[in-house]
Amino acid sequence: LSVAARTVRPRDLPPPTPPANAGYLGVQLEEDQGGARILRVMPNSAADKAGLKADDVVTHIAEMPIIDSESMVNTIQHHKPGDVVAIKLRRKGEAMELKVSLDKRPADPGFERRDYQNRMGSELSDRRGGFAQILQHDLVLRPIDCGGPVVDLDGKAIGINIARAGRVESYAIPADAVRAVIEDLKTGNITPPTTTQSTTRPASRSTRP
């Protein structure tokens, strides 16, 4: 196995099925410093009707800070169709606030087929996106087995597995990124987060809230 690390660009990965009663905004997203950038607004969606535009950077939804596309998706999915939420954003450097009445998620006849195809041979990870940098490989990897090393043909560890994203798609953190974090931990530049045991299942992620 010999692959190069890459910065993640927006992709349309089939996401886990969102809650049936989750609100729907109707946008495609990518990461942006200090928020989530809108790549595309779906025609006639709640976002379209409220005046959201491509390249808007969303910073808050219903007073909740938005730090990346995943936090935006999870925040939207905590609201129901018909809820009116305030969305704060930056548009060409100008701060704005819009009120959006969330829609019901439209039916997607192709979703079940795509999801089935991607799950062939292996269960997928709940989180399959939002990573700043990854190594992508095609080894079949169960989500429960994430955390182990990716080794090249010379026996050198080149990364740590973090997600099973599709039928022939698994992700790993590059070894260089792992080493940088270890050095920061050793020098005290960063401290490990305090973890508490929780029985709450993380919210599912979608690139189309």
C-alpha atoms as a PDB file:
ATOM      1  CA  LEU A   1       0.000   0.000   0.000  1.00  0.00           C
ATOM      2  CA  SER A   2       1.500   3.319  -1.044  1.00  0.00           C
ATOM      3  CA  VAL A   3      -0.699   6.407  -1.078  1.00  0.00           C
ATOM      4  CA  ALA A   4      -0.270  10.136  -0.701  1.00  0.00           C
ATOM      5  CA  ALA A   5      -1.979  12.257   1.923  1.00  0.00           C
ATOM      6  CA  ARG A   6      -4.509  14.743   0.629  1.00  0.00           C
ATOM      7  CA  THR A   7      -6.568  17.587   1.963  1.00  0.00           C
ATOM      8  CA  VAL A   8     -10.220  16.633   1.888  1.00  0.00           C
ATOM      9  CA  ARG A   9     -12.375  18.387  -0.671  1.00  0.00           C
ATOM     10  CA  PRO A  10     -16.170  18.316  -0.618  1.00  0.00           C
ATOM     11  CA  ARG A  11     -17.615  14.996  -1.716  1.00  0.00           C
ATOM     12  CA  ASP A  12     -21.086  13.560  -2.047  1.00  0.00           C
ATOM     13  CA  LEU A  13     -20.672  10.451   0.120  1.00  0.00           C
ATOM     14  CA  PRO A  14     -23.901   8.604   0.862  1.00  0.00           C
ATOM     15  CA  PRO A  15     -24.542   9.570   4.520  1.00  0.00           C
ATOM     16  CA  PRO A  16     -26.281   7.602   7.243  1.00  0.00           C
ATOM     17  CA  THR A  17     -30.049   8.029   7.120  1.00  0.00           C
ATOM     18  CA  PRO A  18     -31.015  11.170   9.114  1.00  0.00           C
ATOM     19  CA  PRO A  19     -33.873  11.118  11.626  1.00  0.00           C
ATOM     20  CA  ALA A  20     -37.242  10.870   9.880  1.00  0.00           C
ATOM     21  CA  ASN A  21     -38.507  14.068  11.513  1.00  0.00           C
ATOM     22  CA  ALA A  22     -35.326  16.090  11.006  1.00  0.00           C
ATOM     23  CA  GLY A  23     -35.535  19.513   9.415  1.00  0.00           C
ATOM     24  CA  TYR A  24     -34.101  20.021   5.942  1.00  0.00           C
ATOM     25  CA  LEU A  25     -32.255  23.129   4.746  1.00  0.00           C
ATOM     26  CA  GLY A  26     -31.220  22.093   1.239  1.00  0.00           C
ATOM     27  CA  VAL A  27     -27.534  22.942   0.819  1.00  0.00           C
ATOM     28  CA  GLN A  28     -24.224  21.249   0.055  1.00  0.00           C
ATOM     29  CA  LEU A  29     -21.307  22.248   2.277  1.00  0.00           C
ATOM     30  CA  GLU A  30     -17.548  22.383   2.600  1.00  0.00           C
ATOM     31  CA  GLU A  31     -15.274  23.371   5.488  1.00  0.00           C
ATOM     32  CA  ASP A  32     -14.283  26.995   5.974  1.00  0.00           C
ATOM     33  CA  GLN A  33     -12.316  28.760   8.674  1.00  0.00           C
ATOM     34  CA  GLY A  34     -14.772  29.739  11.381  1.00  0.00           C
ATOM     35  CA  GLY A  35     -17.847  28.128   9.873  1.00  0.00           C
ATOM     36  CA  ALA A  36     -19.336  26.050   7.069  1.00  0.00           C
ATOM     37  CA  ARG A  37     -19.280  27.331   3.495  1.00  0.00           C
ATOM     38  CA  ILE A  38     -22.262  26.716   1.244  1.00  0.00           C
ATOM     39  CA  LEU A  39     -21.223  25.141  -2.052  1.00  0.00           C
ATOM     40  CA  ARG A  40     -24.680  24.834  -3.580  1.00  0.00           C
ATOM     41  CA  VAL A  41     -28.251  25.788  -2.703  1.00  0.00           C
ATOM     42  CA  MET A  42     -30.914  23.316  -3.890  1.00  0.00           C
ATOM     43  CA  PRO A  43     -33.634  24.952  -6.024  1.00  0.00           C
ATOM     44  CA  ASN A  44     -36.920  25.607  -4.199  1.00  0.00           C
ATOM     45  CA  SER A  45     -35.426  24.423  -0.891  1.00  0.00           C
ATOM     46  CA  ALA A  46     -35.809  26.178   2.470  1.00  0.00           C
ATOM     47  CA  ALA A  47     -32.363  27.718   1.965  1.00  0.00           C
ATOM     48  CA  ASP A  48     -33.296  28.979  -1.502  1.00  0.00           C
ATOM     49  CA  LYS A  49     -36.554  30.529  -0.270  1.00  0.00           C
ATOM     50  CA  ALA A  50     -34.737  32.275   2.614  1.00  0.00           C
ATOM     51  CA  GLY A  51     -32.108  33.814   0.347  1.00  0.00           C
ATOM     52  CA  LEU A  52     -29.037  31.736   1.209  1.00  0.00           C
ATOM     53  CA  LYS A  53     -26.431  31.722  -1.568  1.00  0.00           C
ATOM     54  CA  ALA A  54     -23.384  29.748  -2.640  1.00  0.00           C
ATOM     55  CA  ASP A  55     -20.188  30.956  -0.881  1.00  0.00           C
ATOM     56  CA  ASP A  56     -22.123  32.146   2.194  1.00  0.00           C
ATOM     57  CA  VAL A  57     -20.234  31.071   5.338  1.00  0.00           C
ATOM     58  CA  VAL A  58     -22.619  30.021   8.125  1.00  0.00           C
ATOM     59  CA  THR A  59     -21.339  30.879  11.626  1.00  0.00           C
ATOM     60  CA  HIS A  60     -24.418  30.382  13.868  1.00  0.00           C
ATOM     61  CA  ILE A  61     -27.754  28.578  13.691  1.00  0.00           C
ATOM     62  CA  ALA A  62     -30.329  29.374  16.395  1.00  0.00           C
ATOM     63  CA  GLU A  63     -27.474  30.972  18.392  1.00  0.00           C
ATOM     64  CA  MET A  64     -25.443  27.734  18.225  1.00  0.00           C
ATOM     65  CA  PRO A  65     -21.875  28.291  16.931  1.00  0.00           C
ATOM     66  CA  ILE A  66     -21.108  26.495  13.666  1.00  0.00           C
ATOM     67  CA  ILE A  67     -17.456  25.470  13.500  1.00  0.00           C
ATOM     68  CA  ASP A  68     -17.597  23.106  10.505  1.00  0.00           C
ATOM     69  CA  SER A  69     -20.014  21.367   8.146  1.00  0.00           C
ATOM     70  CA  GLU A  70     -20.609  18.504  10.594  1.00  0.00           C
ATOM     71  CA  SER A  71     -21.749  20.815  13.394  1.00  0.00           C
ATOM     72  CA  MET A  72     -24.062  22.587  10.930  1.00  0.00           C
ATOM     73  CA  VAL A  73     -25.651  19.322   9.803  1.00  0.00           C
ATOM     74  CA  ASN A  74     -26.128  18.099  13.366  1.00  0.00           C
ATOM     75  CA  THR A  75     -27.671  21.420  14.442  1.00  0.00           C
ATOM     76  CA  ILE A  76     -30.167  21.407  11.564  1.00  0.00           C
ATOM     77  CA  GLN A  77     -31.123  17.802  12.299  1.00  0.00           C
ATOM     78  CA  HIS A  78     -32.010  18.726  15.888  1.00  0.00           C
ATOM     79  CA  HIS A  79     -34.830  20.880  14.480  1.00  0.00           C
ATOM     80  CA  LYS A  80     -38.071  19.705  12.888  1.00  0.00           C
ATOM     81  CA  PRO A  81     -39.739  20.610   9.590  1.00  0.00           C
ATOM     82  CA  GLY A  82     -41.587  23.897  10.017  1.00  0.00           C
ATOM     83  CA  ASP A  83     -39.212  25.243  12.679  1.00  0.00           C
ATOM     84  CA  VAL A  84     -38.030  28.794  11.967  1.00  0.00           C
ATOM     85  CA  VAL A  85     -34.345  29.227  12.784  1.00  0.00           C
ATOM     86  CA  ALA A  86     -32.063  32.245  12.660  1.00  0.00           C
ATOM     87  CA  ILE A  87     -28.940  31.717  10.579  1.00  0.00           C
ATOM     88  CA  LYS A  88     -25.992  34.078  10.975  1.00  0.00           C
ATOM     89  CA  LEU A  89     -23.532  34.146   8.087  1.00  0.00           C
ATOM     90  CA  ARG A  90     -20.788  36.033   6.315  1.00  0.00           C
ATOM     91  CA  ARG A  91     -21.383  37.052   2.705  1.00  0.00           C
ATOM     92  CA  LYS A  92     -18.379  38.624   0.975  1.00  0.00           C
ATOM     93  CA  GLY A  93     -17.096  39.693   4.390  1.00  0.00           C
ATOM     94  CA  GLU A  94     -20.389  41.240   5.517  1.00  0.00           C
ATOM     95  CA  ALA A  95     -22.229  39.810   8.547  1.00  0.00           C
ATOM     96  CA  MET A  96     -25.884  38.941   7.909  1.00  0.00           C
ATOM     97  CA  GLU A  97     -28.767  37.129   9.608  1.00  0.00           C
ATOM     98  CA  LEU A  98     -31.590  35.320   7.822  1.00  0.00           C
ATOM     99  CA  LYS A  99     -34.681  33.523   9.137  1.00  0.00           C
ATOM    100  CA  VAL A 100     -35.287  30.113   7.580  1.00  0.00           C
ATOM    101  CA  SER A 101     -38.382  27.914   7.825  1.00  0.00           C
ATOM    102  CA  LEU A 102     -37.055  24.351   7.569  1.00  0.00           C
ATOM    103  CA  ASP A 103     -38.590  21.920   5.087  1.00  0.00           C
ATOM    104  CA  LYS A 104     -39.302  18.214   5.270  1.00  0.00           C
ATOM    105  CA  ARG A 105     -36.547  16.134   3.703  1.00  0.00           C
ATOM    106  CA  PRO A 106     -37.562  15.201   0.138  1.00  0.00           C
ATOM    107  CA  ALA A 107     -37.724  11.557  -0.904  1.00  0.00           C
ATOM    108  CA  ASP A 108     -34.562  10.281  -2.589  1.00  0.00           C
ATOM    109  CA  PRO A 109     -35.361   7.088  -4.522  1.00  0.00           C
ATOM    110  CA  GLY A 110     -31.672   6.464  -5.224  1.00  0.00           C
ATOM    111  CA  PHE A 111     -30.467   6.740  -1.640  1.00  0.00           C
ATOM    112  CA  GLU A 112     -31.313   3.201  -0.503  1.00  0.00           C
ATOM    113  CA  ARG A 113     -29.603   1.699  -3.563  1.00  0.00           C
ATOM    114  CA  ARG A 114     -26.442   3.808  -3.103  1.00  0.00           C
ATOM    115  CA  ASP A 115     -26.339   3.084   0.614  1.00  0.00           C
ATOM    116  CA  TYR A 116     -26.742  -0.661  -0.001  1.00  0.00           C
ATOM    117  CA  GLN A 117     -23.927  -0.672  -2.556  1.00  0.00           C
ATOM    118  CA  ASN A 118     -21.586   1.169  -0.227  1.00  0.00           C
ATOM    119  CA  ARG A 119     -22.328  -1.180   2.669  1.00  0.00           C
ATOM    120  CA  MET A 120     -21.579  -4.322   0.640  1.00  0.00           C
ATOM    121  CA  GLY A 121     -18.818  -6.237   2.386  1.00  0.00           C
ATOM    122  CA  SER A 122     -18.492  -4.021   5.460  1.00  0.00           C
ATOM    123  CA  GLU A 123     -20.441  -1.843   7.862  1.00  0.00           C
ATOM    124  CA  LEU A 124     -19.725   1.874   7.461  1.00  0.00           C
ATOM    125  CA  SER A 125     -18.568   4.296  10.148  1.00  0.00           C
ATOM    126  CA  ASP A 126     -21.117   6.741  11.578  1.00  0.00           C
ATOM    127  CA  ARG A 127     -18.699   9.579  10.835  1.00  0.00           C
ATOM    128  CA  ARG A 128     -17.319   9.471   7.290  1.00  0.00           C
ATOM    129  CA  GLY A 129     -16.368  13.085   6.594  1.00  0.00           C
ATOM    130  CA  GLY A 130     -15.258  16.396   8.039  1.00  0.00           C
ATOM    131  CA  PHE A 131     -11.594  15.342   8.358  1.00  0.00           C
ATOM    132  CA  ALA A 132      -8.992  17.994   7.547  1.00  0.00           C
ATOM    133  CA  GLN A 133      -6.480  15.576   5.987  1.00  0.00           C
ATOM    134  CA  ILE A 134      -6.641  11.881   5.154  1.00  0.00           C
ATOM    135  CA  LEU A 135      -5.004   8.936   3.494  1.00  0.00           C
ATOM    136  CA  GLN A 136      -7.539   7.009   1.434  1.00  0.00           C
ATOM    137  CA  HIS A 137      -7.159   3.277   0.769  1.00  0.00           C
ATOM    138  CA  ASP A 138      -9.385   0.406  -0.348  1.00  0.00           C
ATOM    139  CA  LEU A 139      -8.825  -2.158   2.414  1.00  0.00           C
ATOM    140  CA  VAL A 140     -12.042  -3.545   3.906  1.00  0.00           C
ATOM    141  CA  LEU A 141     -12.104  -2.238   7.453  1.00  0.00           C
ATOM    142  CA  ARG A 142     -14.780  -2.639  10.115  1.00  0.00           C
ATOM    143  CA  PRO A 143     -15.519   0.554  12.082  1.00  0.00           C
ATOM    144  CA  ILE A 144     -14.754  -1.324  15.311  1.00  0.00           C
ATOM    145  CA  ASP A 145     -11.241  -1.995  13.991  1.00  0.00           C
ATOM    146  CA  CYS A 146     -10.394   1.684  13.442  1.00  0.00           C
ATOM    147  CA  GLY A 147      -7.454   2.918  15.490  1.00  0.00           C
ATOM    148  CA  GLY A 148      -4.928   0.486  14.069  1.00  0.00           C
ATOM    149  CA  PRO A 149      -2.013   1.372  11.772  1.00  0.00           C
ATOM    150  CA  VAL A 150      -1.868   1.421   7.982  1.00  0.00           C
ATOM    151  CA  VAL A 151       1.385  -0.220   6.856  1.00  0.00           C
ATOM    152  CA  ASP A 152       3.033   0.079   3.435  1.00  0.00           C
ATOM    153  CA  LEU A 153       4.812  -2.727   1.532  1.00  0.00           C
ATOM    154  CA  ASP A 154       8.055  -1.984   3.386  1.00  0.00           C
ATOM    155  CA  GLY A 155       6.405  -2.469   6.777  1.00  0.00           C
ATOM    156  CA  LYS A 156       6.416   1.248   7.578  1.00  0.00           C
ATOM    157  CA  ALA A 157       3.417   2.674   9.433  1.00  0.00           C
ATOM    158  CA  ILE A 158       2.095   5.521   7.302  1.00  0.00           C
ATOM    159  CA  GLY A 159      -1.107   6.360   9.177  1.00  0.00           C
ATOM    160  CA  ILE A 160      -3.847   5.369  11.622  1.00  0.00           C
ATOM    161  CA  ASN A 161      -7.237   4.159  10.393  1.00  0.00           C
ATOM    162  CA  ILE A 162     -10.145   6.393  11.408  1.00  0.00           C
ATOM    163  CA  ALA A 163     -13.168   5.540   9.240  1.00  0.00           C
ATOM    164  CA  ARG A 164     -14.760   3.082   6.841  1.00  0.00           C
ATOM    165  CA  ALA A 165     -16.458   5.372   4.304  1.00  0.00           C
ATOM    166  CA  GLY A 166     -17.600   3.152   1.432  1.00  0.00           C
ATOM    167  CA  ARG A 167     -17.416  -0.220  -0.296  1.00  0.00           C
ATOM    168  CA  VAL A 168     -13.832   0.434  -1.481  1.00  0.00           C
ATOM    169  CA  GLU A 169     -13.020   3.485   0.608  1.00  0.00           C
ATOM    170  CA  SER A 170     -11.362   3.673   4.034  1.00  0.00           C
ATOM    171  CA  TYR A 171      -9.663   6.685   5.653  1.00  0.00           C
ATOM    172  CA  ALA A 172      -6.552   7.063   7.809  1.00  0.00           C
ATOM    173  CA  ILE A 173      -4.823   9.990   9.516  1.00  0.00           C
ATOM    174  CA  PRO A 174      -1.345  10.488   7.945  1.00  0.00           C
ATOM    175  CA  ALA A 175       1.554   9.538  10.201  1.00  0.00           C
ATOM    176  CA  ASP A 176       3.048  13.041   9.933  1.00  0.00           C
ATOM    177  CA  ALA A 177      -0.141  14.552  11.371  1.00  0.00           C
ATOM    178  CA  VAL A 178      -0.143  12.020  14.223  1.00  0.00           C
ATOM    179  CA  ARG A 179       3.503  12.745  15.059  1.00  0.00           C
ATOM    180  CA  ALA A 180       2.823  16.485  15.180  1.00  0.00           C
ATOM    181  CA  VAL A 181       0.033  15.972  17.716  1.00  0.00           C
ATOM    182  CA  ILE A 182       2.214  13.674  19.832  1.00  0.00           C
ATOM    183  CA  GLU A 183       4.968  16.300  19.942  1.00  0.00           C
ATOM    184  CA  ASP A 184       2.461  18.971  20.992  1.00  0.00           C
ATOM    185  CA  LEU A 185       1.187  16.690  23.765  1.00  0.00           C
ATOM    186  CA  LYS A 186       4.733  15.958  24.978  1.00  0.00           C
ATOM    187  CA  THR A 187       5.672  19.634  25.108  1.00  0.00           C
ATOM    188  CA  GLY A 188       2.386  20.695  26.697  1.00  0.00           C
ATOM    189  CA  ASN A 189       1.331  22.888  23.764  1.00  0.00           C
ATOM    190  CA  ILE A 190      -1.989  21.068  23.808  1.00  0.00           C
ATOM    191  CA  THR A 191      -3.668  18.921  26.453  1.00  0.00           C
ATOM    192  CA  PRO A 192      -5.853  15.875  25.845  1.00  0.00           C
ATOM    193  CA  PRO A 193      -9.600  16.524  26.275  1.00  0.00           C
ATOM    194  CA  THR A 194     -11.364  15.275  29.375  1.00  0.00           C
ATOM    195  CA  THR A 195     -13.631  12.417  28.360  1.00  0.00           C
ATOM    196  CA  THR A 196     -16.820  11.369  30.062  1.00  0.00           C
ATOM    197  CA  GLN A 197     -18.722   8.192  29.374  1.00  0.00           C
ATOM    198  CA  SER A 198     -21.960   8.811  27.534  1.00  0.00           C
ATOM    199  CA  THR A 199     -24.764   6.570  26.350  1.00  0.00           C
ATOM    200  CA  THR A 200     -25.937   9.106  23.777  1.00  0.00           C
ATOM    201  CA  ARG A 201     -25.300   8.024  20.203  1.00  0.00           C
ATOM    202  CA  PRO A 202     -23.652  10.753  18.079  1.00  0.00           C
ATOM    203  CA  ALA A 203     -25.939  12.424  15.593  1.00  0.00           C
ATOM    204  CA  SER A 204     -25.721  11.138  12.036  1.00  0.00           C
ATOM    205  CA  ARG A 205     -23.950  13.299   9.511  1.00  0.00           C
ATOM    206  CA  SER A 206     -25.084  14.368   6.094  1.00  0.00           C
ATOM    207  CA  THR A 207     -23.551  16.715   3.607  1.00  0.00           C
ATOM    208  CA  ARG A 208     -27.042  17.832   2.666  1.00  0.00           C
ATOM    209  CA  PRO A 209     -28.790  19.253   5.771  1.00  0.00           C
END
